[in-house]
């Protein structure tokens, strides 16, 4: 692109922090608290601090496992709904320093992340079933004080995770009385978000309504097709204001075409049936193939995958989970080991004129891989057909596409065709591309592949086209 021919961005656009978050693609979640030792998923808030007592805690083992699996960041449940705080907080005595373990888990994990080059994030449940002030105005100030501690004393934070399970609808909490809150007003989220912006301007915030990253609407680990990065959240019913834990959450699966906000989806899922470690689930860990499928249906649909890997009662990632993660990483590395597109001769055909308007001997020179901010753009708003000729027959079963999302999303659909038996046949179709689009299909042997596009909102822009032969593909 010439510096004198700057493209027009399309619709809502990502911030610098959102771009950095999207580049990460695959992160880990660490659910670790009193529930690990009581065999519960949601604690009651009445658990004594003495319950928390990992026998061989190893933050480096946890972080190295995540890095080995390809995770770029780790988010720790610093406080779950039971109110037990994993750091040396001044806000409550219900914290890890009063347990037999007696060490600041948040510091241990954050330090291990920084040593390993993994980014660190925090989960702080808005709900607190232990604190007597929950449901009253003073709790919000206490909650912000807890958040301020986490955002001040533990280095750079890449993501702040606000759970939609935040204590509305008459849940029991604290002293065991019913405490019903109005989730649209009680938490005063705009002022809490503003505090995060001041203390950690490089962090993104997650919730059902963002403001930076949205819940995909399920805890199964997959995004919809299409999955737009733009989103306009709605309340559960017409006329209701949306808020964390109070949305028409099904909308998160697909997003909103030309939505009001740039708010890409995060797909959260656990490697086990539950979110916390349970011995009975040691034989129920997701297999490498299941994890790979989730990766294709999350990262491969423009979202980010957040995979929970809960530490066990030792304070380490269980051997069964480690084995599955090693297998998963091997499958991903094998799937994308060699980009066949780099050796192709590329031509761009104007669909209207029916003739080539650009040709390049090497695909690697035409479409830039590795630098996601670099891109190629079709001239004059044309709707191109991008053609790859290989000179000899090659085998392909996977395509990976990217748009330069710093300019928004503009491509509404595409089709990939391959010449087999002398005829061009469609092998894959897709809608959104966005940050990353991966499609797999039965293996074809071909010497020519074409990609055709629907009419774009602005221009067809591509920052990567890659073709691969996945030995473990369909």
Protein backbone atom coordinates (compact mmCIF):
# COMPACT_ATOMS: atom_id res chain seq x y z
CA UNK A 1 0.00 0.00 0.00
CA UNK A 2 1.19 3.50 -0.79
CA UNK A 3 1.30 5.90 2.12
CA UNK A 4 -0.68 8.25 -0.13
CA UNK A 5 -3.45 5.70 -0.70
CA UNK A 6 -4.59 4.92 2.82
CA UNK A 7 -7.56 2.50 3.06
CA UNK A 8 -10.85 3.36 4.64
CA UNK A 9 -11.45 1.41 7.87
CA UNK A 10 -14.63 -0.66 8.12
CA UNK A 11 -17.06 -0.02 10.98
CA UNK A 12 -16.06 -0.46 14.64
CA UNK A 13 -12.32 -0.87 15.15
CA UNK A 14 -10.14 -2.56 17.80
CA UNK A 15 -8.00 -0.73 20.31
CA UNK A 16 -4.29 -1.40 20.68
CA UNK A 17 -5.02 -3.63 23.70
CA UNK A 18 -7.66 -5.58 21.77
CA UNK A 19 -5.26 -6.14 18.87
CA UNK A 20 -2.60 -7.48 21.26
CA UNK A 21 -5.20 -9.74 22.91
CA UNK A 22 -6.38 -11.11 19.54
CA UNK A 23 -2.81 -11.92 18.56
CA UNK A 24 -2.56 -14.23 21.60
CA UNK A 25 -5.39 -16.52 20.35
CA UNK A 26 -4.96 -19.27 22.99
CA UNK A 27 -4.82 -18.69 26.76
CA UNK A 28 -5.26 -20.68 29.95
CA UNK A 29 -7.60 -20.43 32.93
CA UNK A 30 -6.59 -21.58 36.43
CA UNK A 31 -9.53 -22.43 38.70
CA UNK A 32 -7.90 -22.98 42.08
CA UNK A 33 -9.39 -22.24 45.50
CA UNK A 34 -11.05 -23.88 48.51
CA UNK A 35 -13.27 -25.78 46.04
CA UNK A 36 -10.19 -27.77 45.02
CA UNK A 37 -10.14 -29.22 48.53
CA UNK A 38 -13.89 -29.48 49.26
CA UNK A 39 -14.81 -31.18 45.96
CA UNK A 40 -17.27 -28.42 45.06
CA UNK A 41 -17.74 -26.23 42.00
CA UNK A 42 -19.35 -23.29 43.85
CA UNK A 43 -18.25 -22.80 47.44
CA UNK A 44 -20.65 -21.76 50.18
CA UNK A 45 -18.53 -18.97 51.64
CA UNK A 46 -18.41 -20.64 55.05
CA UNK A 47 -15.34 -22.81 54.39
CA UNK A 48 -12.59 -22.29 57.00
CA UNK A 49 -9.29 -20.93 55.71
CA UNK A 50 -7.60 -24.10 56.97
CA UNK A 51 -9.19 -26.06 54.10
CA UNK A 52 -6.76 -24.53 51.59
CA UNK A 53 -3.53 -26.51 51.89
CA UNK A 54 -1.76 -27.59 48.67
CA UNK A 55 0.89 -30.20 49.50
CA UNK A 56 3.48 -29.44 46.78
CA UNK A 57 2.57 -26.16 45.09
CA UNK A 58 4.67 -25.46 41.99
CA UNK A 59 3.83 -22.30 40.06
CA UNK A 60 6.63 -22.96 37.57
CA UNK A 61 5.21 -26.39 36.72
CA UNK A 62 1.80 -24.82 36.10
CA UNK A 63 3.18 -22.06 33.90
CA UNK A 64 5.60 -24.29 31.98
CA UNK A 65 2.73 -26.67 31.22
CA UNK A 66 0.68 -23.78 29.83
CA UNK A 67 3.57 -22.52 27.73
CA UNK A 68 4.31 -26.00 26.40
CA UNK A 69 0.69 -26.24 25.25
CA UNK A 70 1.06 -22.99 23.32
CA UNK A 71 -0.84 -20.72 25.69
CA UNK A 72 0.22 -17.08 25.59
CA UNK A 73 -1.47 -16.00 28.84
CA UNK A 74 -2.86 -17.38 32.11
CA UNK A 75 -5.83 -16.06 34.08
CA UNK A 76 -6.01 -17.02 37.76
CA UNK A 77 -9.22 -17.16 39.82
CA UNK A 78 -7.92 -14.80 42.49
CA UNK A 79 -11.33 -14.91 44.22
CA UNK A 80 -14.22 -17.19 43.27
CA UNK A 81 -17.84 -16.89 44.49
CA UNK A 82 -16.93 -18.29 47.92
CA UNK A 83 -14.99 -15.09 48.67
CA UNK A 84 -11.67 -16.77 49.55
CA UNK A 85 -8.84 -14.51 48.34
CA UNK A 86 -5.63 -16.07 47.03
CA UNK A 87 -3.50 -13.03 47.82
CA UNK A 88 -2.35 -11.02 50.82
CA UNK A 89 -5.34 -8.66 50.81
CA UNK A 90 -6.11 -5.98 53.37
CA UNK A 91 -9.85 -6.14 52.61
CA UNK A 92 -10.79 -9.37 54.40
CA UNK A 93 -9.34 -11.98 56.75
CA UNK A 94 -10.82 -14.69 54.54
CA UNK A 95 -7.62 -15.10 52.57
CA UNK A 96 -4.72 -17.42 51.84
CA UNK A 97 -2.39 -15.87 54.42
CA UNK A 98 -4.57 -17.36 57.19
CA UNK A 99 -4.40 -20.85 55.65
CA UNK A 100 -1.77 -23.49 56.47
CA UNK A 101 -0.16 -22.68 53.10
CA UNK A 102 0.33 -19.07 54.13
CA UNK A 103 1.78 -17.78 50.84
CA UNK A 104 0.50 -15.27 48.28
CA UNK A 105 -0.63 -17.52 45.40
CA UNK A 106 -1.30 -14.58 43.09
CA UNK A 107 2.28 -13.40 43.48
CA UNK A 108 3.71 -16.89 43.01
CA UNK A 109 1.75 -17.43 39.78
CA UNK A 110 2.26 -13.92 38.39
CA UNK A 111 6.02 -14.09 39.07
CA UNK A 112 6.22 -17.49 37.35
CA UNK A 113 4.35 -16.09 34.35
CA UNK A 114 6.70 -13.13 34.06
CA UNK A 115 9.75 -15.43 34.29
CA UNK A 116 8.41 -17.67 31.51
CA UNK A 117 7.25 -14.89 29.20
CA UNK A 118 3.57 -15.70 29.71
CA UNK A 119 1.14 -12.83 30.23
CA UNK A 120 -0.83 -12.78 33.49
CA UNK A 121 -4.54 -12.06 33.98
CA UNK A 122 -6.91 -11.93 36.94
CA UNK A 123 -10.41 -13.24 37.65
CA UNK A 124 -12.20 -11.51 40.53
CA UNK A 125 -15.72 -12.75 41.17
CA UNK A 126 -18.15 -9.85 41.70
CA UNK A 127 -20.17 -12.19 43.91
CA UNK A 128 -18.93 -12.93 47.44
CA UNK A 129 -20.79 -15.48 49.57
CA UNK A 130 -18.52 -14.90 52.56
CA UNK A 131 -18.48 -11.14 53.00
CA UNK A 132 -21.17 -9.70 55.26
CA UNK A 133 -21.33 -6.47 53.25
CA UNK A 134 -22.26 -8.22 50.00
CA UNK A 135 -25.53 -6.84 48.64
CA UNK A 136 -24.97 -3.49 50.36
CA UNK A 137 -23.45 -0.32 48.85
CA UNK A 138 -20.26 -0.62 50.90
CA UNK A 139 -19.41 -3.93 49.24
CA UNK A 140 -18.78 -2.20 45.90
CA UNK A 141 -16.03 -0.10 47.48
CA UNK A 142 -14.55 -3.23 49.07
CA UNK A 143 -14.70 -5.01 45.69
CA UNK A 144 -12.91 -2.13 44.00
CA UNK A 145 -10.28 -2.15 46.74
CA UNK A 146 -9.63 -5.83 46.03
CA UNK A 147 -9.39 -5.12 42.32
CA UNK A 148 -7.07 -2.18 42.97
CA UNK A 149 -4.71 -4.44 44.91
CA UNK A 150 -4.59 -6.98 42.08
CA UNK A 151 -3.99 -4.31 39.45
CA UNK A 152 -1.30 -2.54 41.46
CA UNK A 153 1.01 -5.12 43.03
CA UNK A 154 1.35 -7.95 40.50
CA UNK A 155 2.85 -6.39 37.38
CA UNK A 156 1.27 -5.96 33.94
CA UNK A 157 -2.18 -7.53 33.55
CA UNK A 158 -3.41 -8.54 30.10
CA UNK A 159 -7.03 -9.41 30.95
CA UNK A 160 -9.49 -8.76 33.78
CA UNK A 161 -12.27 -11.37 33.87
CA UNK A 162 -15.67 -10.38 35.31
CA UNK A 163 -17.97 -13.37 35.79
CA UNK A 164 -21.62 -13.15 34.79
CA UNK A 165 -22.48 -15.40 37.75
CA UNK A 166 -22.55 -12.41 40.07
CA UNK A 167 -25.12 -13.07 42.75
CA UNK A 168 -28.43 -11.84 41.39
CA UNK A 169 -31.78 -13.62 41.58
CA UNK A 170 -31.83 -14.25 45.34
CA UNK A 171 -28.77 -16.44 45.79
CA UNK A 172 -27.66 -17.12 49.36
CA UNK A 173 -24.50 -15.41 50.45
CA UNK A 174 -22.50 -14.16 53.38
CA UNK A 175 -24.51 -14.81 56.53
CA UNK A 176 -26.82 -17.14 54.57
CA UNK A 177 -29.73 -14.76 54.12
CA UNK A 178 -31.25 -14.10 50.71
CA UNK A 179 -29.64 -11.12 48.99
CA UNK A 180 -31.30 -10.02 45.79
CA UNK A 181 -29.52 -7.34 43.78
CA UNK A 182 -30.26 -5.44 40.59
CA UNK A 183 -27.36 -6.44 38.39
CA UNK A 184 -27.91 -3.54 36.00
CA UNK A 185 -27.27 -0.93 38.71
CA UNK A 186 -25.77 -2.51 41.85
CA UNK A 187 -22.21 -2.95 40.63
CA UNK A 188 -21.89 0.47 38.95
CA UNK A 189 -19.72 -1.15 36.29
CA UNK A 190 -18.74 2.01 34.35
CA UNK A 191 -16.80 3.36 37.33
CA UNK A 192 -15.11 0.00 37.95
CA UNK A 193 -14.11 -0.22 34.28
CA UNK A 194 -12.73 3.32 34.44
CA UNK A 195 -10.52 2.29 37.36
CA UNK A 196 -9.13 -0.64 35.35
CA UNK A 197 -8.35 1.72 32.47
CA UNK A 198 -6.39 4.01 34.80
CA UNK A 199 -4.42 1.27 36.54
CA UNK A 200 -3.85 -1.16 33.66
CA UNK A 201 -4.40 0.64 30.32
CA UNK A 202 -2.98 -2.33 28.42
CA UNK A 203 -5.53 -4.79 29.82
CA UNK A 204 -8.76 -5.90 28.17
CA UNK A 205 -11.90 -6.54 30.21
CA UNK A 206 -14.16 -9.56 29.72
CA UNK A 207 -17.84 -9.94 30.57
CA UNK A 208 -21.17 -10.61 28.86
CA UNK A 209 -21.05 -6.96 27.76
CA UNK A 210 -17.30 -6.50 27.48
CA UNK A 211 -16.44 -3.69 27.32
CA UNK A 212 -13.50 -5.19 25.38
CA UNK A 213 -14.11 -8.93 25.10
CA UNK A 214 -17.48 -10.69 25.13
CA UNK A 215 -18.59 -14.08 26.37
CA UNK A 216 -19.34 -16.36 23.44
CA UNK A 217 -22.56 -17.51 25.14
CA UNK A 218 -21.56 -21.07 26.08
CA UNK A 219 -18.98 -22.84 28.22
CA UNK A 220 -18.32 -25.50 25.59
CA UNK A 221 -15.37 -23.78 23.93
CA UNK A 222 -16.65 -23.01 20.44
CA UNK A 223 -17.76 -19.93 18.52
CA UNK A 224 -20.59 -19.69 16.03
CA UNK A 225 -20.30 -19.55 12.26
CA UNK A 226 -20.35 -16.68 11.49
CA UNK A 227 -18.63 -15.10 14.48
CA UNK A 228 -18.40 -11.35 13.99
CA UNK A 229 -15.94 -9.41 16.13
CA UNK A 230 -18.43 -6.55 16.32
CA UNK A 231 -21.25 -6.78 18.84
CA UNK A 232 -24.26 -4.89 20.15
CA UNK A 233 -25.32 -6.46 23.47
CA UNK A 234 -29.02 -6.67 24.35
CA UNK A 235 -30.84 -7.18 27.62
CA UNK A 236 -32.63 -10.51 28.24
CA UNK A 237 -35.95 -8.97 27.21
CA UNK A 238 -36.84 -6.09 24.89
CA UNK A 239 -36.28 -2.73 26.53
CA UNK A 240 -34.00 -4.07 29.29
CA UNK A 241 -30.51 -2.64 29.64
CA UNK A 242 -27.76 -5.26 29.29
CA UNK A 243 -25.18 -5.79 32.05
CA UNK A 244 -22.71 -8.51 33.04
CA UNK A 245 -24.79 -11.60 33.77
CA UNK A 246 -27.89 -9.89 32.37
CA UNK A 247 -27.95 -10.19 28.57
CA UNK A 248 -29.52 -12.00 25.67
CA UNK A 249 -26.43 -14.18 25.95
CA UNK A 250 -27.18 -16.32 22.89
CA UNK A 251 -26.21 -13.32 20.73
CA UNK A 252 -22.60 -13.76 21.81
CA UNK A 253 -22.26 -16.91 19.73
CA UNK A 254 -22.37 -15.06 16.41
CA UNK A 255 -21.85 -11.42 17.31
CA UNK A 256 -23.54 -8.61 15.39
CA UNK A 257 -22.80 -7.75 11.74
CA UNK A 258 -21.78 -4.08 11.72
CA UNK A 259 -22.27 -4.06 15.50
CA UNK A 260 -21.82 -0.93 17.57
CA UNK A 261 -18.68 -2.11 19.39
CA UNK A 262 -15.54 -4.01 18.50
CA UNK A 263 -15.97 -6.80 21.07
CA UNK A 264 -14.55 -10.14 19.89
CA UNK A 265 -15.59 -13.42 21.45
CA UNK A 266 -13.71 -15.46 24.02
CA UNK A 267 -14.53 -19.18 24.18
CA UNK A 268 -14.10 -20.49 27.72
CA UNK A 269 -14.09 -24.22 28.39
CA UNK A 270 -12.50 -26.62 30.87
CA UNK A 271 -10.23 -29.51 29.96
CA UNK A 272 -12.35 -31.50 32.46
CA UNK A 273 -16.12 -31.76 33.02
CA UNK A 274 -15.80 -29.37 35.97
CA UNK A 275 -13.94 -26.10 36.41
CA UNK A 276 -12.12 -27.13 39.60
CA UNK A 277 -10.01 -30.25 39.97
CA UNK A 278 -11.88 -33.35 41.15
CA UNK A 279 -10.16 -36.71 41.55
CA UNK A 280 -13.18 -38.47 40.06
CA UNK A 281 -12.55 -36.61 36.78
CA UNK A 282 -8.93 -37.70 36.30
CA UNK A 283 -10.12 -40.18 33.67
CA UNK A 284 -12.42 -37.67 31.97
CA UNK A 285 -9.86 -35.22 30.61
CA UNK A 286 -10.54 -34.06 27.05
CA UNK A 287 -8.44 -35.90 24.49
CA UNK A 288 -5.90 -34.18 22.21
CA UNK A 289 -8.30 -34.60 19.28
CA UNK A 290 -11.15 -33.01 21.23
CA UNK A 291 -8.94 -30.06 22.15
CA UNK A 292 -7.83 -29.65 18.55
CA UNK A 293 -11.46 -29.61 17.41
CA UNK A 294 -12.21 -26.85 19.94
CA UNK A 295 -9.20 -24.89 18.68
CA UNK A 296 -10.46 -25.06 15.08
CA UNK A 297 -13.97 -24.01 16.17
CA UNK A 298 -12.78 -21.10 18.33
CA UNK A 299 -9.46 -19.66 17.14
CA UNK A 300 -10.37 -20.87 13.66
CA UNK A 301 -13.56 -18.78 13.77
CA UNK A 302 -11.89 -15.53 14.78
CA UNK A 303 -12.33 -15.92 18.55
CA UNK A 304 -9.85 -16.69 21.33
CA UNK A 305 -9.78 -20.01 23.18
CA UNK A 306 -9.56 -19.86 26.99
CA UNK A 307 -8.88 -23.39 28.22
CA UNK A 308 -9.17 -24.12 31.93
CA UNK A 309 -6.43 -26.36 33.36
CA UNK A 310 -7.21 -26.61 37.10
CA UNK A 311 -4.36 -27.37 39.53
CA UNK A 312 -4.91 -30.40 41.77
CA UNK A 313 -4.54 -30.65 45.56
CA UNK A 314 -0.77 -30.69 45.26
CA UNK A 315 -0.94 -27.32 43.48
CA UNK A 316 0.20 -28.70 40.12
CA UNK A 317 -1.38 -29.58 36.78
CA UNK A 318 -2.36 -33.25 36.92
CA UNK A 319 -0.38 -35.73 34.82
CA UNK A 320 -3.47 -36.72 32.80
CA UNK A 321 -4.04 -33.09 31.81
CA UNK A 322 -0.36 -32.62 30.93
CA UNK A 323 -0.39 -35.70 28.70
CA UNK A 324 -3.46 -34.46 26.83
CA UNK A 325 -1.96 -30.98 26.37
CA UNK A 326 1.27 -32.44 24.98
CA UNK A 327 -0.75 -34.47 22.48
CA UNK A 328 -2.83 -31.45 21.53
CA UNK A 329 0.24 -29.29 20.90
CA UNK A 330 1.68 -31.99 18.65
CA UNK A 331 -1.52 -32.13 16.59
CA UNK A 332 -1.55 -28.34 16.08
CA UNK A 333 2.14 -28.24 15.17
CA UNK A 334 1.64 -31.04 12.65
CA UNK A 335 -1.43 -29.42 11.13
CA UNK A 336 0.33 -26.14 10.34
CA UNK A 337 3.90 -27.35 9.83
CA UNK A 338 4.24 -26.42 6.15
CA UNK A 339 2.43 -23.65 4.27
CA UNK A 340 2.01 -24.87 0.70
CA UNK A 341 0.83 -21.43 -0.47
CA UNK A 342 4.35 -20.01 -0.11
CA UNK A 343 5.56 -21.85 -3.22
CA UNK A 344 2.59 -20.96 -5.43
CA UNK A 345 2.37 -18.48 -8.27
CA UNK A 346 -0.43 -16.08 -7.38
CA UNK A 347 -2.72 -14.15 -9.71
CA UNK A 348 -5.57 -11.83 -8.89
CA UNK A 349 -8.43 -11.84 -11.35
CA UNK A 350 -11.02 -9.08 -11.40
CA UNK A 351 -14.33 -10.95 -11.22
CA UNK A 352 -16.02 -8.26 -13.31
CA UNK A 353 -13.35 -7.97 -16.02
CA UNK A 354 -12.41 -11.62 -16.06
CA UNK A 355 -8.70 -10.89 -16.42
CA UNK A 356 -5.63 -10.84 -14.22
CA UNK A 357 -4.87 -7.52 -12.56
CA UNK A 358 -1.90 -8.73 -10.49
CA UNK A 359 0.52 -11.62 -10.69
CA UNK A 360 3.39 -12.73 -8.50
CA UNK A 361 5.76 -15.66 -8.89
CA UNK A 362 5.81 -16.50 -5.21
CA UNK A 363 2.86 -16.47 -2.85
CA UNK A 364 5.14 -15.65 0.06
CA UNK A 365 5.96 -12.29 -1.56
CA UNK A 366 2.32 -11.49 -2.32
CA UNK A 367 0.56 -12.37 0.92
CA UNK A 368 2.57 -11.68 4.04
CA UNK A 369 2.52 -14.26 6.84
CA UNK A 370 3.83 -13.50 10.32
CA UNK A 371 3.20 -9.75 10.34
CA UNK A 372 -0.52 -9.41 10.92
CA UNK A 373 -0.51 -5.67 10.35
CA UNK A 374 0.81 -6.05 6.79
CA UNK A 375 -1.74 -6.87 4.13
CA UNK A 376 -2.76 -6.91 0.50
CA UNK A 377 -5.85 -5.01 -0.65
CA UNK A 378 -7.85 -5.38 -3.85
CA UNK A 379 -7.59 -2.20 -5.90
CA UNK A 380 -10.49 0.10 -6.57
CA UNK A 381 -12.99 -1.79 -4.47
CA UNK A 382 -13.00 -4.70 -6.94
CA UNK A 383 -14.23 -8.16 -5.98
CA UNK A 384 -11.24 -10.34 -6.78
CA UNK A 385 -10.63 -14.01 -7.40
CA UNK A 386 -7.27 -14.94 -5.91
CA UNK A 387 -5.72 -17.83 -7.79
CA UNK A 388 -2.86 -20.05 -6.64
CA UNK A 389 -1.04 -22.23 -9.20
CA UNK A 390 1.42 -24.79 -7.90
CA UNK A 391 3.01 -26.11 -11.11
CA UNK A 392 2.48 -29.67 -9.89
CA UNK A 393 -0.15 -31.55 -7.94
CA UNK A 394 -0.17 -30.93 -4.19
CA UNK A 395 -2.34 -32.36 -1.41
CA UNK A 396 -4.36 -29.96 0.73
CA UNK A 397 -7.05 -30.30 3.42
CA UNK A 398 -6.75 -27.07 5.42
CA UNK A 399 -6.94 -23.37 4.63
CA UNK A 400 -6.13 -20.50 7.00
CA UNK A 401 -7.09 -16.90 6.22
CA UNK A 402 -6.65 -13.62 8.09
CA UNK A 403 -7.86 -10.08 7.64
CA UNK A 404 -5.91 -7.06 8.90
CA UNK A 405 -8.34 -6.42 11.73
CA UNK A 406 -6.79 -3.07 12.59
CA UNK A 407 -8.97 -1.92 9.67
CA UNK A 408 -12.03 -3.83 10.87
CA UNK A 409 -13.86 -6.70 9.19
CA UNK A 410 -15.05 -6.24 5.64
CA UNK A 411 -15.37 -9.69 4.02
CA UNK A 412 -18.89 -11.18 4.38
CA UNK A 413 -18.21 -14.54 2.78
CA UNK A 414 -15.86 -16.58 0.62
CA UNK A 415 -15.50 -19.89 -1.20
CA UNK A 416 -12.39 -22.01 -1.78
CA UNK A 417 -12.27 -24.11 -4.95
CA UNK A 418 -9.67 -26.63 -6.10
CA UNK A 419 -9.09 -28.12 -9.54
CA UNK A 420 -9.54 -31.86 -9.32
CA UNK A 421 -10.06 -34.18 -12.31
CA UNK A 422 -9.80 -31.16 -14.58
CA UNK A 423 -12.70 -29.29 -12.95
CA UNK A 424 -12.90 -26.55 -10.34
CA UNK A 425 -14.86 -27.80 -7.33
CA UNK A 426 -15.77 -25.93 -4.13
CA UNK A 427 -14.04 -27.61 -1.20
CA UNK A 428 -14.86 -25.10 1.56
CA UNK A 429 -17.10 -22.10 2.23
CA UNK A 430 -16.99 -19.55 5.00
CA UNK A 431 -18.56 -16.34 6.17
CA UNK A 432 -16.47 -14.17 8.48
CA UNK A 433 -12.67 -14.19 8.39
CA UNK A 434 -11.56 -11.57 10.90
CA UNK A 435 -8.50 -12.34 13.01
CA UNK A 436 -8.25 -15.95 11.84
CA UNK A 437 -10.35 -18.38 9.83
CA UNK A 438 -9.47 -22.06 9.58
CA UNK A 439 -11.44 -24.49 7.46
CA UNK A 440 -10.71 -28.19 7.05
CA UNK A 441 -12.08 -30.46 4.34
CA UNK A 442 -11.43 -33.93 2.87
CA UNK A 443 -7.99 -34.08 1.28
CA UNK A 444 -7.77 -33.03 -2.36
CA UNK A 445 -4.95 -33.40 -4.86
CA UNK A 446 -4.78 -30.28 -6.97
CA UNK A 447 -2.51 -27.97 -8.93
CA UNK A 448 -4.73 -24.89 -8.63
CA UNK A 449 -6.81 -23.27 -5.88
CA UNK A 450 -9.08 -20.22 -6.16
CA UNK A 451 -10.65 -18.06 -3.47
CA UNK A 452 -13.73 -16.03 -4.39
CA UNK A 453 -15.25 -13.37 -2.16
CA UNK A 454 -18.69 -11.93 -1.53
CA UNK A 455 -19.22 -8.20 -1.91
CA UNK A 456 -17.22 -6.59 0.90
CA UNK A 457 -18.27 -3.71 3.15
CA UNK A 458 -15.15 -1.80 2.11
CA UNK A 459 -12.39 -3.68 0.27
CA UNK A 460 -11.12 -7.23 0.24
CA UNK A 461 -8.02 -7.16 2.44
CA UNK A 462 -5.93 -10.16 3.39
CA UNK A 463 -3.01 -10.45 5.76
CA UNK A 464 -2.56 -14.20 5.29
CA UNK A 465 -3.58 -17.02 3.00
CA UNK A 466 -2.17 -20.39 3.93
CA UNK A 467 -2.78 -23.93 2.62
CA UNK A 468 -1.75 -26.99 4.62
CA UNK A 469 -1.90 -30.76 4.62
CA UNK A 470 -2.90 -31.83 8.12
CA UNK A 471 -1.84 -35.49 8.52
CA UNK A 472 -4.53 -35.90 11.16
CA UNK A 473 -7.20 -33.94 9.29
CA UNK A 474 -10.47 -35.10 7.79
